[in-house]
Amino acid sequence: MKFEYTPTAVRETAEGLRFRVRRLNISDRTRRDVSHMIDRTYDYASPRELRWHLADVFHMDPKSVDVRAA
């Protein structure tokens, strides 16, 4: 499954740069907004962390999840 996210609130922490997801869409013909499925106040360390989180939320193998920034 392909996802497209709009990052926001990039900030520096002791662990490095963090971002939050303002908007999350499933990248298909309809571009369904699924932002309500995640905690948008969570600070992600990387797109890889977001991919693993989405795999957990959607009960999928992380290898089958593709994420990219809008």
Protein backbone atom coordinates (compact mmCIF):
# COMPACT_ATOMS: atom_id res chain seq x y z
CA MET A 1 0.00 0.00 0.00
CA LYS A 2 1.33 3.44 -0.89
CA PHE A 3 1.01 6.41 1.42
CA GLU A 4 1.81 10.07 0.91
CA TYR A 5 2.32 12.28 3.95
CA THR A 6 2.69 16.00 4.47
CA PRO A 7 5.25 16.62 7.21
CA THR A 8 4.99 19.53 9.59
CA ALA A 9 6.55 20.81 12.81
CA VAL A 10 10.09 19.76 12.04
CA ARG A 11 12.18 20.35 15.12
CA GLU A 12 15.51 19.45 16.66
CA THR A 13 15.65 17.20 19.73
CA ALA A 14 18.50 15.57 21.63
CA GLU A 15 17.95 12.51 19.40
CA GLY A 16 17.96 14.50 16.14
CA LEU A 17 15.39 16.02 13.78
CA ARG A 18 11.72 15.11 14.29
CA PHE A 19 8.61 15.71 12.23
CA ARG A 20 4.88 15.34 12.63
CA VAL A 21 2.40 14.28 9.98
CA ARG A 22 -0.08 17.01 9.07
CA ARG A 23 -1.89 14.94 6.46
CA LEU A 24 -1.75 11.30 5.40
CA ASN A 25 -3.27 9.98 2.18
CA ILE A 26 -3.46 6.57 0.61
CA SER A 27 -1.93 7.10 -2.82
CA ASP A 28 -4.49 5.70 -5.21
CA ARG A 29 -6.91 7.19 -7.68
CA THR A 30 -9.12 8.60 -4.94
CA ARG A 31 -6.30 9.84 -2.63
CA ARG A 32 -8.23 8.90 0.50
CA ASP A 33 -7.35 10.95 3.57
CA VAL A 34 -6.52 8.61 6.46
CA SER A 35 -4.99 11.22 8.77
CA HIS A 36 -7.49 10.27 11.46
CA MET A 37 -5.90 6.80 11.69
CA ILE A 38 -2.67 8.05 13.31
CA ASP A 39 -1.66 10.26 16.21
CA ARG A 40 -0.68 13.47 14.45
CA THR A 41 1.01 14.83 17.60
CA TYR A 42 3.62 12.06 17.55
CA ASP A 43 7.16 13.14 16.62
CA TYR A 44 8.58 10.75 14.02
CA ALA A 45 12.33 10.35 13.73
CA SER A 46 12.25 9.13 10.12
CA PRO A 47 10.00 8.02 7.26
CA ARG A 48 11.08 4.48 8.15
CA GLU A 49 9.56 4.86 11.62
CA LEU A 50 6.35 6.16 10.03
CA ARG A 51 6.33 3.15 7.67
CA TRP A 52 6.58 0.73 10.60
CA HIS A 53 3.83 2.59 12.44
CA LEU A 54 1.53 2.43 9.40
CA ALA A 55 2.24 -1.27 8.98
CA ASP A 56 1.14 -1.80 12.58
CA VAL A 57 -2.00 0.33 12.24
CA PHE A 58 -3.09 -1.34 8.99
CA HIS A 59 -1.98 -4.86 10.05
CA MET A 60 0.45 -5.22 7.17
CA ASP A 61 3.99 -6.41 6.60
CA PRO A 62 6.28 -3.33 6.71
CA LYS A 63 7.79 -4.44 3.37
CA SER A 64 4.41 -3.89 1.70
CA VAL A 65 4.11 -0.29 2.96
CA ASP A 66 5.56 2.53 0.86
CA VAL A 67 5.68 6.09 2.22
CA ARG A 68 6.80 9.32 0.62
CA ALA A 69 6.63 12.98 1.49
CA ALA A 70 4.26 15.16 -0.50
